[in-house]
PDB file of N, CA and C in Angstrom:
ATOM      1  N   MET A   1       0.826  -1.311   0.126  1.00  0.00           N
ATOM      2  CA  MET A   1      -0.230   0.194  -0.156  1.00  0.00           C
ATOM      3  C   MET A   1       0.829   1.065   0.059  1.00  0.00           C
ATOM      4  N   ASP A   2       0.823   1.948  -1.202  1.00  0.00           N
ATOM      5  CA  ASP A   2       1.836   3.113  -1.328  1.00  0.00           C
ATOM      6  C   ASP A   2       1.000   4.440  -0.508  1.00  0.00           C
ATOM      7  N   ILE A   3       1.712   5.087  -0.097  1.00  0.00           N
ATOM      8  CA  ILE A   3       1.181   6.345   0.435  1.00  0.00           C
ATOM      9  C   ILE A   3       1.767   7.577  -0.524  1.00  0.00           C
ATOM     10  N   LYS A   4       0.981   8.179  -1.009  1.00  0.00           N
ATOM     11  CA  LYS A   4       1.307   9.296  -2.040  1.00  0.00           C
ATOM     12  C   LYS A   4       0.386  10.453  -1.988  1.00  0.00           C
ATOM     13  N   PRO A   5       0.634  11.750  -2.248  1.00  0.00           N
ATOM     14  CA  PRO A   5      -0.355  12.883  -2.222  1.00  0.00           C
ATOM     15  C   PRO A   5      -1.462  12.659  -3.164  1.00  0.00           C
ATOM     16  N   ILE A   6      -2.512  13.322  -2.971  1.00  0.00           N
ATOM     17  CA  ILE A   6      -3.681  13.099  -3.826  1.00  0.00           C
ATOM     18  C   ILE A   6      -3.797  14.370  -4.609  1.00  0.00           C
ATOM     19  N   HIS A   7      -3.527  14.321  -5.840  1.00  0.00           N
ATOM     20  CA  HIS A   7      -3.434  15.491  -6.777  1.00  0.00           C
ATOM     21  C   HIS A   7      -4.925  15.804  -7.620  1.00  0.00           C
ATOM     22  N   THR A   8      -5.664  14.668  -7.714  1.00  0.00           N
ATOM     23  CA  THR A   8      -6.900  14.690  -8.792  1.00  0.00           C
ATOM     24  C   THR A   8      -7.952  14.438  -8.063  1.00  0.00           C
ATOM     25  N   ASP A   9      -9.241  14.657  -8.603  1.00  0.00           N
ATOM     26  CA  ASP A   9     -10.394  14.093  -8.198  1.00  0.00           C
ATOM     27  C   ASP A   9     -10.458  12.611  -8.400  1.00  0.00           C
ATOM     28  N   GLU A  10      -9.958  11.912  -9.521  1.00  0.00           N
ATOM     29  CA  GLU A  10      -9.764  10.554  -9.570  1.00  0.00           C
ATOM     30  C   GLU A  10      -9.088   9.799  -8.515  1.00  0.00           C
ATOM     31  N   GLU A  11      -7.840  10.664  -8.314  1.00  0.00           N
ATOM     32  CA  GLU A  11      -7.017   9.931  -7.140  1.00  0.00           C
ATOM     33  C   GLU A  11      -7.780   9.810  -5.770  1.00  0.00           C
ATOM     34  N   PHE A  12      -8.426  10.961  -5.622  1.00  0.00           N
ATOM     35  CA  PHE A  12      -9.493  11.263  -4.460  1.00  0.00           C
ATOM     36  C   PHE A  12     -10.367  10.250  -4.417  1.00  0.00           C
ATOM     37  N   GLU A  13     -11.372   9.990  -5.257  1.00  0.00           N
ATOM     38  CA  GLU A  13     -12.225   8.867  -5.337  1.00  0.00           C
ATOM     39  C   GLU A  13     -11.761   7.581  -5.158  1.00  0.00           C
ATOM     40  N   SER A  14     -10.373   7.430  -5.997  1.00  0.00           N
ATOM     41  CA  SER A  14      -9.820   5.924  -5.565  1.00  0.00           C
ATOM     42  C   SER A  14      -9.336   5.652  -4.246  1.00  0.00           C
ATOM     43  N   SER A  15      -8.822   6.868  -3.591  1.00  0.00           N
ATOM     44  CA  SER A  15      -8.461   6.666  -2.104  1.00  0.00           C
ATOM     45  C   SER A  15      -9.699   6.571  -1.415  1.00  0.00           C
ATOM     46  N   ILE A  16     -10.693   7.238  -1.593  1.00  0.00           N
ATOM     47  CA  ILE A  16     -11.928   6.961  -0.809  1.00  0.00           C
ATOM     48  C   ILE A  16     -12.227   5.375  -0.839  1.00  0.00           C
ATOM     49  N   ARG A  17     -12.256   4.760  -1.747  1.00  0.00           N
ATOM     50  CA  ARG A  17     -12.691   3.455  -2.106  1.00  0.00           C
ATOM     51  C   ARG A  17     -11.778   2.344  -1.280  1.00  0.00           C
ATOM     52  N   GLU A  18     -10.436   2.906  -1.554  1.00  0.00           N
ATOM     53  CA  GLU A  18      -9.618   1.988  -0.722  1.00  0.00           C
ATOM     54  C   GLU A  18      -9.701   2.032   0.562  1.00  0.00           C
ATOM     55  N   VAL A  19      -9.877   3.483   1.353  1.00  0.00           N
ATOM     56  CA  VAL A  19     -10.056   3.770   2.680  1.00  0.00           C
ATOM     57  C   VAL A  19     -11.231   2.923   3.205  1.00  0.00           C
ATOM     58  N   SER A  20     -12.304   3.017   2.533  1.00  0.00           N
ATOM     59  CA  SER A  20     -13.751   2.339   2.643  1.00  0.00           C
ATOM     60  C   SER A  20     -13.406   0.915   2.792  1.00  0.00           C
ATOM     61  N   ARG A  21     -12.635   0.235   1.838  1.00  0.00           N
ATOM     62  CA  ARG A  21     -12.453  -1.151   1.998  1.00  0.00           C
ATOM     63  C   ARG A  21     -11.737  -1.528   3.268  1.00  0.00           C
ATOM     64  N   LEU A  22     -10.635  -0.773   3.526  1.00  0.00           N
ATOM     65  CA  LEU A  22      -9.956  -1.077   4.721  1.00  0.00           C
ATOM     66  C   LEU A  22     -10.571  -0.995   5.860  1.00  0.00           C
ATOM     67  N   MET A  23     -11.276   0.244   6.130  1.00  0.00           N
ATOM     68  CA  MET A  23     -12.029   0.387   7.126  1.00  0.00           C
ATOM     69  C   MET A  23     -13.020  -0.840   7.445  1.00  0.00           C
ATOM     70  N   ASP A  24     -13.564  -1.414   6.426  1.00  0.00           N
ATOM     71  CA  ASP A  24     -14.510  -2.476   6.686  1.00  0.00           C
ATOM     72  C   ASP A  24     -13.717  -3.748   7.296  1.00  0.00           C
ATOM     73  N   ALA A  25     -12.440  -3.894   7.007  1.00  0.00           N
ATOM     74  CA  ALA A  25     -11.694  -5.052   7.542  1.00  0.00           C
ATOM     75  C   ALA A  25     -11.257  -4.521   8.949  1.00  0.00           C
ATOM     76  N   GLN A  26     -11.278  -3.135   9.286  1.00  0.00           N
ATOM     77  CA  GLN A  26     -11.118  -2.899  10.717  1.00  0.00           C
ATOM     78  C   GLN A  26      -9.795  -3.509  11.351  1.00  0.00           C
ATOM     79  N   PRO A  27      -8.685  -2.908  10.740  1.00  0.00           N
ATOM     80  CA  PRO A  27      -7.279  -3.403  11.020  1.00  0.00           C
ATOM     81  C   PRO A  27      -6.971  -3.019  12.561  1.00  0.00           C
ATOM     82  N   ALA A  28      -6.209  -3.775  13.277  1.00  0.00           N
ATOM     83  CA  ALA A  28      -5.784  -3.348  14.524  1.00  0.00           C
ATOM     84  C   ALA A  28      -4.910  -2.476  14.556  1.00  0.00           C
ATOM     85  N   GLU A  29      -5.069  -1.572  15.757  1.00  0.00           N
ATOM     86  CA  GLU A  29      -4.284  -0.616  15.918  1.00  0.00           C
ATOM     87  C   GLU A  29      -2.655  -1.130  16.059  1.00  0.00           C
ATOM     88  N   GLY A  30      -1.907  -0.188  15.526  1.00  0.00           N
ATOM     89  CA  GLY A  30      -0.254  -0.819  15.553  1.00  0.00           C
ATOM     90  C   GLY A  30       0.066  -1.439  14.244  1.00  0.00           C
ATOM     91  N   THR A  31      -0.899  -1.897  13.495  1.00  0.00           N
ATOM     92  CA  THR A  31      -0.653  -2.557  12.236  1.00  0.00           C
ATOM     93  C   THR A  31      -0.146  -1.693  10.874  1.00  0.00           C
ATOM     94  N   PRO A  32       0.407  -2.241  10.123  1.00  0.00           N
ATOM     95  CA  PRO A  32       0.904  -1.125   8.880  1.00  0.00           C
ATOM     96  C   PRO A  32      -0.477  -0.776   8.237  1.00  0.00           C
ATOM     97  N   GLU A  33      -1.453  -1.505   8.366  1.00  0.00           N
ATOM     98  CA  GLU A  33      -2.688  -1.211   7.654  1.00  0.00           C
ATOM     99  C   GLU A  33      -3.534  -0.091   8.151  1.00  0.00           C
ATOM    100  N   PHE A  34      -3.260  -0.299   9.626  1.00  0.00           N
ATOM    101  CA  PHE A  34      -4.158   0.877  10.699  1.00  0.00           C
ATOM    102  C   PHE A  34      -2.962   2.238  10.294  1.00  0.00           C
ATOM    103  N   ASP A  35      -1.951   2.211  10.221  1.00  0.00           N
ATOM    104  CA  ASP A  35      -1.098   3.507   9.892  1.00  0.00           C
ATOM    105  C   ASP A  35      -1.482   3.849   8.616  1.00  0.00           C
ATOM    106  N   TRP A  36      -1.629   3.092   7.665  1.00  0.00           N
ATOM    107  CA  TRP A  36      -1.837   3.573   6.386  1.00  0.00           C
ATOM    108  C   TRP A  36      -3.172   4.284   6.491  1.00  0.00           C
ATOM    109  N   LEU A  37      -4.222   3.711   7.063  1.00  0.00           N
ATOM    110  CA  LEU A  37      -5.392   4.157   7.044  1.00  0.00           C
ATOM    111  C   LEU A  37      -5.776   5.497   7.792  1.00  0.00           C
ATOM    112  N   ASP A  38      -4.768   5.462   8.758  1.00  0.00           N
ATOM    113  CA  ASP A  38      -4.658   6.766   9.469  1.00  0.00           C
ATOM    114  C   ASP A  38      -4.137   7.978   8.604  1.00  0.00           C
ATOM    115  N   ILE A  39      -3.062   7.910   7.932  1.00  0.00           N
ATOM    116  CA  ILE A  39      -2.150   8.737   7.241  1.00  0.00           C
ATOM    117  C   ILE A  39      -3.119   9.069   5.853  1.00  0.00           C
ATOM    118  N   MET A  40      -3.873   8.023   5.202  1.00  0.00           N
ATOM    119  CA  MET A  40      -4.792   8.332   4.206  1.00  0.00           C
ATOM    120  C   MET A  40      -5.812   9.069   4.310  1.00  0.00           C
ATOM    121  N   ALA A  41      -6.428   8.943   5.739  1.00  0.00           N
ATOM    122  CA  ALA A  41      -7.746   9.780   6.251  1.00  0.00           C
ATOM    123  C   ALA A  41      -7.268  10.912   6.236  1.00  0.00           C
ATOM    124  N   THR A  42      -6.106  11.381   6.737  1.00  0.00           N
ATOM    125  CA  THR A  42      -5.546  12.828   6.738  1.00  0.00           C
ATOM    126  C   THR A  42      -5.397  13.484   5.333  1.00  0.00           C
ATOM    127  N   LEU A  43      -4.804  12.769   4.487  1.00  0.00           N
ATOM    128  CA  LEU A  43      -4.768  13.179   3.203  1.00  0.00           C
ATOM    129  C   LEU A  43      -5.891  13.580   2.579  1.00  0.00           C
ATOM    130  N   LEU A  44      -6.993  12.670   2.680  1.00  0.00           N
ATOM    131  CA  LEU A  44      -8.328  12.839   2.363  1.00  0.00           C
ATOM    132  C   LEU A  44      -8.969  14.065   2.674  1.00  0.00           C
ATOM    133  N   VAL A  45      -8.812  14.230   4.152  1.00  0.00           N
ATOM    134  CA  VAL A  45      -9.270  15.528   4.674  1.00  0.00           C
ATOM    135  C   VAL A  45      -8.756  16.816   4.218  1.00  0.00           C
ATOM    136  N   ALA A  46      -7.476  16.915   3.991  1.00  0.00           N
ATOM    137  CA  ALA A  46      -6.707  17.937   3.550  1.00  0.00           C
ATOM    138  C   ALA A  46      -7.131  18.291   1.985  1.00  0.00           C
ATOM    139  N   TYR A  47      -7.122  17.125   1.148  1.00  0.00           N
ATOM    140  CA  TYR A  47      -7.570  17.247  -0.071  1.00  0.00           C
ATOM    141  C   TYR A  47      -9.112  18.001  -0.212  1.00  0.00           C
ATOM    142  N   GLU A  48      -9.989  17.383   0.564  1.00  0.00           N
ATOM    143  CA  GLU A  48     -11.472  17.640   0.423  1.00  0.00           C
ATOM    144  C   GLU A  48     -11.574  19.273   1.244  1.00  0.00           C
ATOM    145  N   ALA A  49     -10.575  19.723   2.000  1.00  0.00           N
ATOM    146  CA  ALA A  49     -10.790  20.979   2.741  1.00  0.00           C
ATOM    147  C   ALA A  49     -10.210  22.043   1.735  1.00  0.00           C
ATOM    148  N   LYS A  50      -9.241  21.537   0.750  1.00  0.00           N
ATOM    149  CA  LYS A  50      -8.803  22.454  -0.233  1.00  0.00           C
ATOM    150  C   LYS A  50      -9.746  22.626  -1.621  1.00  0.00           C
ATOM    151  N   HIS A  51     -10.315  21.520  -1.883  1.00  0.00           N
ATOM    152  CA  HIS A  51     -10.945  21.239  -3.229  1.00  0.00           C
ATOM    153  C   HIS A  51     -12.631  21.368  -2.997  1.00  0.00           C
ATOM    154  N   PHE A  52     -12.855  21.163  -1.800  1.00  0.00           N
ATOM    155  CA  PHE A  52     -14.416  21.124  -1.656  1.00  0.00           C
ATOM    156  C   PHE A  52     -14.752  21.919  -0.126  1.00  0.00           C
ATOM    157  N   PRO A  53     -14.273  23.193   0.014  1.00  0.00           N
ATOM    158  CA  PRO A  53     -14.567  23.946   1.004  1.00  0.00           C
ATOM    159  C   PRO A  53     -16.109  24.108   1.413  1.00  0.00           C
ATOM    160  N   ILE A  54     -16.533  24.057   2.573  1.00  0.00           N
ATOM    161  CA  ILE A  54     -17.746  24.250   3.201  1.00  0.00           C
ATOM    162  C   ILE A  54     -17.836  25.819   3.753  1.00  0.00           C
ATOM    163  N   GLU A  55     -18.474  26.734   2.907  1.00  0.00           N
ATOM    164  CA  GLU A  55     -18.701  27.799   3.376  1.00  0.00           C
ATOM    165  C   GLU A  55     -19.540  28.070   4.861  1.00  0.00           C
ATOM    166  N   ALA A  56     -19.158  28.837   5.705  1.00  0.00           N
ATOM    167  CA  ALA A  56     -19.844  29.019   6.941  1.00  0.00           C
ATOM    168  C   ALA A  56     -21.337  29.693   6.624  1.00  0.00           C
ATOM    169  N   PRO A  57     -22.263  29.084   7.463  1.00  0.00           N
ATOM    170  CA  PRO A  57     -23.593  29.602   7.237  1.00  0.00           C
ATOM    171  C   PRO A  57     -23.660  31.202   7.318  1.00  0.00           C
ATOM    172  N   ASP A  58     -24.782  31.513   6.777  1.00  0.00           N
ATOM    173  CA  ASP A  58     -24.909  33.110   6.927  1.00  0.00           C
ATOM    174  C   ASP A  58     -25.555  33.211   8.422  1.00  0.00           C
ATOM    175  N   PRO A  59     -25.433  34.406   9.238  1.00  0.00           N
ATOM    176  CA  PRO A  59     -25.932  34.321  10.507  1.00  0.00           C
ATOM    177  C   PRO A  59     -27.411  34.230  10.620  1.00  0.00           C
ATOM    178  N   VAL A  60     -28.201  34.974   9.936  1.00  0.00           N
ATOM    179  CA  VAL A  60     -29.546  34.719   9.804  1.00  0.00           C
ATOM    180  C   VAL A  60     -30.116  33.271   9.523  1.00  0.00           C
ATOM    181  N   ASP A  61     -29.314  32.730   8.559  1.00  0.00           N
ATOM    182  CA  ASP A  61     -29.620  31.233   8.232  1.00  0.00           C
ATOM    183  C   ASP A  61     -29.401  30.485   9.241  1.00  0.00           C
ATOM    184  N   ALA A  62     -28.119  30.725  10.244  1.00  0.00           N
ATOM    185  CA  ALA A  62     -27.755  29.817  11.407  1.00  0.00           C
ATOM    186  C   ALA A  62     -29.033  30.137  12.569  1.00  0.00           C
ATOM    187  N   ILE A  63     -29.404  31.288  12.603  1.00  0.00           N
ATOM    188  CA  ILE A  63     -30.423  31.458  13.723  1.00  0.00           C
ATOM    189  C   ILE A  63     -31.824  30.906  13.103  1.00  0.00           C
ATOM    190  N   ARG A  64     -32.172  31.035  11.899  1.00  0.00           N
ATOM    191  CA  ARG A  64     -33.199  30.145  11.517  1.00  0.00           C
ATOM    192  C   ARG A  64     -33.089  28.829  11.613  1.00  0.00           C
ATOM    193  N   PHE A  65     -32.066  28.187  11.372  1.00  0.00           N
ATOM    194  CA  PHE A  65     -31.801  26.697  11.491  1.00  0.00           C
ATOM    195  C   PHE A  65     -31.963  26.173  13.024  1.00  0.00           C
ATOM    196  N   ARG A  66     -31.331  27.093  13.919  1.00  0.00           N
ATOM    197  CA  ARG A  66     -31.500  26.722  15.237  1.00  0.00           C
ATOM    198  C   ARG A  66     -33.093  26.869  15.868  1.00  0.00           C
ATOM    199  N   MET A  67     -33.766  27.689  15.108  1.00  0.00           N
ATOM    200  CA  MET A  67     -35.205  28.040  15.479  1.00  0.00           C
ATOM    201  C   MET A  67     -35.818  26.668  14.900  1.00  0.00           C
ATOM    202  N   GLU A  68     -35.518  26.140  13.747  1.00  0.00           N
ATOM    203  CA  GLU A  68     -36.189  25.018  13.314  1.00  0.00           C
ATOM    204  C   GLU A  68     -35.895  23.652  14.113  1.00  0.00           C
ATOM    205  N   GLN A  69     -34.612  23.757  14.408  1.00  0.00           N
ATOM    206  CA  GLN A  69     -34.189  22.565  15.077  1.00  0.00           C
ATOM    207  C   GLN A  69     -34.882  22.383  16.532  1.00  0.00           C
ATOM    208  N   GLN A  70     -34.828  23.800  17.177  1.00  0.00           N
ATOM    209  CA  GLN A  70     -35.500  23.626  18.349  1.00  0.00           C
ATOM    210  C   GLN A  70     -37.034  23.988  18.643  1.00  0.00           C
ATOM    211  N   GLY A  71     -37.636  24.254  17.540  1.00  0.00           N
ATOM    212  CA  GLY A  71     -39.052  24.632  17.519  1.00  0.00           C
ATOM    213  C   GLY A  71     -39.461  25.886  17.986  1.00  0.00           C
ATOM    214  N   LEU A  72     -38.535  26.913  17.749  1.00  0.00           N
ATOM    215  CA  LEU A  72     -38.660  28.083  18.227  1.00  0.00           C
ATOM    216  C   LEU A  72     -39.392  29.213  17.376  1.00  0.00           C
ATOM    217  N   GLY A  73     -39.921  30.103  17.954  1.00  0.00           N
ATOM    218  CA  GLY A  73     -40.850  30.939  17.223  1.00  0.00           C
ATOM    219  C   GLY A  73     -40.094  32.325  17.594  1.00  0.00           C
ATOM    220  N   VAL A  74     -40.848  33.479  16.982  1.00  0.00           N
ATOM    221  CA  VAL A  74     -40.150  34.628  17.091  1.00  0.00           C
ATOM    222  C   VAL A  74     -40.309  35.252  18.470  1.00  0.00           C
ATOM    223  N   LYS A  75     -41.398  34.825  19.324  1.00  0.00           N
ATOM    224  CA  LYS A  75     -41.313  35.143  20.694  1.00  0.00           C
ATOM    225  C   LYS A  75     -40.238  34.537  21.384  1.00  0.00           C
ATOM    226  N   ASP A  76     -39.711  33.275  21.179  1.00  0.00           N
ATOM    227  CA  ASP A  76     -38.705  32.765  21.926  1.00  0.00           C
ATOM    228  C   ASP A  76     -37.468  33.408  21.579  1.00  0.00           C
ATOM    229  N   LEU A  77     -37.204  34.184  20.596  1.00  0.00           N
ATOM    230  CA  LEU A  77     -36.025  34.781  20.362  1.00  0.00           C
ATOM    231  C   LEU A  77     -35.973  36.111  20.972  1.00  0.00           C
ATOM    232  N   VAL A  78     -37.150  36.709  21.549  1.00  0.00           N
ATOM    233  CA  VAL A  78     -37.144  38.112  22.140  1.00  0.00           C
ATOM    234  C   VAL A  78     -36.144  38.223  23.272  1.00  0.00           C
ATOM    235  N   PRO A  79     -35.757  37.308  24.163  1.00  0.00           N
ATOM    236  CA  PRO A  79     -34.838  37.363  25.354  1.00  0.00           C
ATOM    237  C   PRO A  79     -33.544  37.608  24.718  1.00  0.00           C
ATOM    238  N   TYR A  80     -33.078  37.158  23.394  1.00  0.00           N
ATOM    239  CA  TYR A  80     -31.876  37.112  22.984  1.00  0.00           C
ATOM    240  C   TYR A  80     -31.678  38.322  22.056  1.00  0.00           C
ATOM    241  N   ILE A  81     -32.738  38.932  21.269  1.00  0.00           N
ATOM    242  CA  ILE A  81     -32.610  39.792  20.540  1.00  0.00           C
ATOM    243  C   ILE A  81     -33.315  41.271  20.840  1.00  0.00           C
ATOM    244  N   GLY A  82     -34.119  41.149  21.596  1.00  0.00           N
ATOM    245  CA  GLY A  82     -35.251  42.280  21.852  1.00  0.00           C
ATOM    246  C   GLY A  82     -36.675  42.140  21.578  1.00  0.00           C
ATOM    247  N   SER A  83     -37.360  43.050  21.228  1.00  0.00           N
ATOM    248  CA  SER A  83     -38.820  43.179  20.936  1.00  0.00           C
ATOM    249  C   SER A  83     -38.969  42.197  19.626  1.00  0.00           C
ATOM    250  N   PRO A  84     -40.323  41.796  19.519  1.00  0.00           N
ATOM    251  CA  PRO A  84     -40.594  41.050  18.453  1.00  0.00           C
ATOM    252  C   PRO A  84     -40.277  41.874  16.986  1.00  0.00           C
ATOM    253  N   ASN A  85     -40.521  43.250  17.184  1.00  0.00           N
ATOM    254  CA  ASN A  85     -40.255  43.832  15.802  1.00  0.00           C
ATOM    255  C   ASN A  85     -38.644  43.720  15.464  1.00  0.00           C
ATOM    256  N   ARG A  86     -37.931  43.854  16.637  1.00  0.00           N
ATOM    257  CA  ARG A  86     -36.480  43.951  16.327  1.00  0.00           C
ATOM    258  C   ARG A  86     -36.153  42.158  15.863  1.00  0.00           C
ATOM    259  N   VAL A  87     -36.669  41.256  16.430  1.00  0.00           N
ATOM    260  CA  VAL A  87     -36.433  40.026  15.862  1.00  0.00           C
ATOM    261  C   VAL A  87     -36.927  39.817  14.435  1.00  0.00           C
ATOM    262  N   TYR A  88     -37.893  40.353  14.040  1.00  0.00           N
ATOM    263  CA  TYR A  88     -38.499  40.374  12.577  1.00  0.00           C
ATOM    264  C   TYR A  88     -37.327  41.177  11.877  1.00  0.00           C
ATOM    265  N   GLU A  89     -36.837  42.081  12.219  1.00  0.00           N
ATOM    266  CA  GLU A  89     -35.871  43.103  11.463  1.00  0.00           C
ATOM    267  C   GLU A  89     -34.689  42.355  11.204  1.00  0.00           C
ATOM    268  N   ILE A  90     -34.236  41.489  12.259  1.00  0.00           N
ATOM    269  CA  ILE A  90     -33.043  40.455  12.051  1.00  0.00           C
ATOM    270  C   ILE A  90     -33.351  39.407  11.141  1.00  0.00           C
ATOM    271  N   LEU A  91     -34.406  38.744  11.423  1.00  0.00           N
ATOM    272  CA  LEU A  91     -34.660  37.667  10.470  1.00  0.00           C
ATOM    273  C   LEU A  91     -34.880  38.195   9.109  1.00  0.00           C
ATOM    274  N   ASN A  92     -35.396  39.351   8.592  1.00  0.00           N
ATOM    275  CA  ASN A  92     -35.917  39.755   7.472  1.00  0.00           C
ATOM    276  C   ASN A  92     -34.534  40.502   6.871  1.00  0.00           C
ATOM    277  N   ARG A  93     -33.326  40.901   7.582  1.00  0.00           N
ATOM    278  CA  ARG A  93     -32.291  41.317   7.116  1.00  0.00           C
ATOM    279  C   ARG A  93     -32.279  42.885   7.100  1.00  0.00           C
ATOM    280  N   LYS A  94     -33.193  43.116   7.859  1.00  0.00           N
ATOM    281  CA  LYS A  94     -33.229  44.816   7.790  1.00  0.00           C
ATOM    282  C   LYS A  94     -32.331  45.486   8.956  1.00  0.00           C
ATOM    283  N   ARG A  95     -31.950  44.717   9.710  1.00  0.00           N
ATOM    284  CA  ARG A  95     -30.796  45.111  10.881  1.00  0.00           C
ATOM    285  C   ARG A  95     -29.860  44.319  11.154  1.00  0.00           C
ATOM    286  N   GLU A  96     -28.722  44.797  11.473  1.00  0.00           N
ATOM    287  CA  GLU A  96     -27.625  43.865  11.641  1.00  0.00           C
ATOM    288  C   GLU A  96     -27.616  43.509  13.338  1.00  0.00           C
ATOM    289  N   LEU A  97     -27.027  42.153  13.394  1.00  0.00           N
ATOM    290  CA  LEU A  97     -26.944  41.747  14.668  1.00  0.00           C
ATOM    291  C   LEU A  97     -25.931  42.641  15.523  1.00  0.00           C
ATOM    292  N   SER A  98     -26.216  43.099  16.956  1.00  0.00           N
ATOM    293  CA  SER A  98     -25.310  43.922  17.866  1.00  0.00           C
ATOM    294  C   SER A  98     -24.413  42.768  18.500  1.00  0.00           C
ATOM    295  N   ILE A  99     -23.372  43.210  19.094  1.00  0.00           N
ATOM    296  CA  ILE A  99     -22.453  42.451  19.946  1.00  0.00           C
ATOM    297  C   ILE A  99     -23.392  41.785  20.788  1.00  0.00           C
ATOM    298  N   ARG A 100     -24.314  42.499  21.567  1.00  0.00           N
ATOM    299  CA  ARG A 100     -25.042  42.032  22.678  1.00  0.00           C
ATOM    300  C   ARG A 100     -25.978  40.674  22.290  1.00  0.00           C
ATOM    301  N   MET A 101     -26.568  41.088  21.147  1.00  0.00           N
ATOM    302  CA  MET A 101     -27.413  40.015  20.564  1.00  0.00           C
ATOM    303  C   MET A 101     -26.625  38.858  20.249  1.00  0.00           C
ATOM    304  N   ILE A 102     -25.370  38.902  19.547  1.00  0.00           N
ATOM    305  CA  ILE A 102     -24.303  37.806  19.255  1.00  0.00           C
ATOM    306  C   ILE A 102     -24.160  37.236  20.640  1.00  0.00           C
ATOM    307  N   ARG A 103     -23.778  37.772  21.718  1.00  0.00           N
ATOM    308  CA  ARG A 103     -23.475  37.126  22.942  1.00  0.00           C
ATOM    309  C   ARG A 103     -24.739  36.474  23.381  1.00  0.00           C
ATOM    310  N   GLN A 104     -25.837  36.880  23.397  1.00  0.00           N
ATOM    311  CA  GLN A 104     -27.173  36.487  23.805  1.00  0.00           C
ATOM    312  C   GLN A 104     -27.460  35.018  23.183  1.00  0.00           C
ATOM    313  N   LEU A 105     -27.284  35.112  21.950  1.00  0.00           N
ATOM    314  CA  LEU A 105     -27.654  34.177  20.978  1.00  0.00           C
ATOM    315  C   LEU A 105     -26.726  32.985  21.374  1.00  0.00           C
ATOM    316  N   HIS A 106     -25.404  33.336  21.514  1.00  0.00           N
ATOM    317  CA  HIS A 106     -24.153  32.271  21.574  1.00  0.00           C
ATOM    318  C   HIS A 106     -24.576  31.552  22.935  1.00  0.00           C
ATOM    319  N   THR A 107     -24.623  32.330  23.909  1.00  0.00           N
ATOM    320  CA  THR A 107     -24.796  31.815  25.331  1.00  0.00           C
ATOM    321  C   THR A 107     -26.096  30.995  25.350  1.00  0.00           C
ATOM    322  N   GLY A 108     -27.344  31.726  24.702  1.00  0.00           N
ATOM    323  CA  GLY A 108     -28.560  31.119  25.114  1.00  0.00           C
ATOM    324  C   GLY A 108     -29.009  29.938  24.103  1.00  0.00           C
ATOM    325  N   LEU A 109     -28.558  30.075  22.843  1.00  0.00           N
ATOM    326  CA  LEU A 109     -28.903  29.185  21.974  1.00  0.00           C
ATOM    327  C   LEU A 109     -27.699  28.137  21.503  1.00  0.00           C
ATOM    328  N   GLY A 110     -26.550  28.349  21.931  1.00  0.00           N
ATOM    329  CA  GLY A 110     -25.449  27.813  21.507  1.00  0.00           C
ATOM    330  C   GLY A 110     -24.987  27.998  20.112  1.00  0.00           C
ATOM    331  N   ILE A 111     -25.499  28.988  19.450  1.00  0.00           N
ATOM    332  CA  ILE A 111     -24.915  29.214  18.215  1.00  0.00           C
ATOM    333  C   ILE A 111     -23.523  29.839  17.993  1.00  0.00           C
ATOM    334  N   PRO A 112     -22.734  29.203  17.417  1.00  0.00           N
ATOM    335  CA  PRO A 112     -21.180  29.657  17.508  1.00  0.00           C
ATOM    336  C   PRO A 112     -21.160  31.100  17.147  1.00  0.00           C
ATOM    337  N   ALA A 113     -20.295  31.998  18.130  1.00  0.00           N
ATOM    338  CA  ALA A 113     -20.006  33.254  18.074  1.00  0.00           C
ATOM    339  C   ALA A 113     -19.471  33.702  16.443  1.00  0.00           C
ATOM    340  N   ALA A 114     -18.686  32.925  16.029  1.00  0.00           N
ATOM    341  CA  ALA A 114     -17.878  33.048  14.939  1.00  0.00           C
ATOM    342  C   ALA A 114     -18.965  33.014  13.785  1.00  0.00           C
ATOM    343  N   VAL A 115     -20.269  32.134  13.955  1.00  0.00           N
ATOM    344  CA  VAL A 115     -21.015  32.258  12.789  1.00  0.00           C
ATOM    345  C   VAL A 115     -21.679  33.434  12.724  1.00  0.00           C
ATOM    346  N   LEU A 116     -22.275  33.830  14.009  1.00  0.00           N
ATOM    347  CA  LEU A 116     -23.139  34.767  14.124  1.00  0.00           C
ATOM    348  C   LEU A 116     -22.249  36.299  13.694  1.00  0.00           C
ATOM    349  N   ILE A 117     -21.028  36.414  13.908  1.00  0.00           N
ATOM    350  CA  ILE A 117     -20.375  37.483  13.588  1.00  0.00           C
ATOM    351  C   ILE A 117     -20.015  37.522  11.929  1.00  0.00           C
ATOM    352  N   GLY A 118     -20.126  36.343  11.501  1.00  0.00           N
ATOM    353  CA  GLY A 118     -19.940  36.080  10.129  1.00  0.00           C
ATOM    354  C   GLY A 118     -18.621  35.572   9.420  1.00  0.00           C
ATOM    355  N   GLN A 119     -18.001  35.069  10.456  1.00  0.00           N
ATOM    356  CA  GLN A 119     -16.543  34.432  10.207  1.00  0.00           C
ATOM    357  C   GLN A 119     -16.564  33.050  10.226  1.00  0.00           C
ATOM    358  N   GLY A 120     -17.664  32.309  10.541  1.00  0.00           N
ATOM    359  CA  GLY A 120     -17.746  30.978  10.705  1.00  0.00           C
ATOM    360  C   GLY A 120     -16.567  30.171  10.831  1.00  0.00           C
TER     361      GLY A 120
END
């Protein structure tokens, strides 16, 4: 089992198939197969990060997603954002989140602050 950099999508797909096959075999820790699997997984993650980056969600989309996850309505966001009108302004992108709102949403709903700031 050779270890070499992954340069193309074809090499990426081939490596995924090989890693999947070996994972099914469940090699024991400390074996050459286990080490190969560990190294190839690292190479696959690096290739994926470089060629298929996942963009951070928009702050409003993140809030809406959390609302959906937890079955929250506008009134449930009042303690974090302010009046119902203010909540609607945020959700309709008519107003930016303030630092206070970001802190409250992060602490109260567990939305990562970096996502709310827009730096995901």
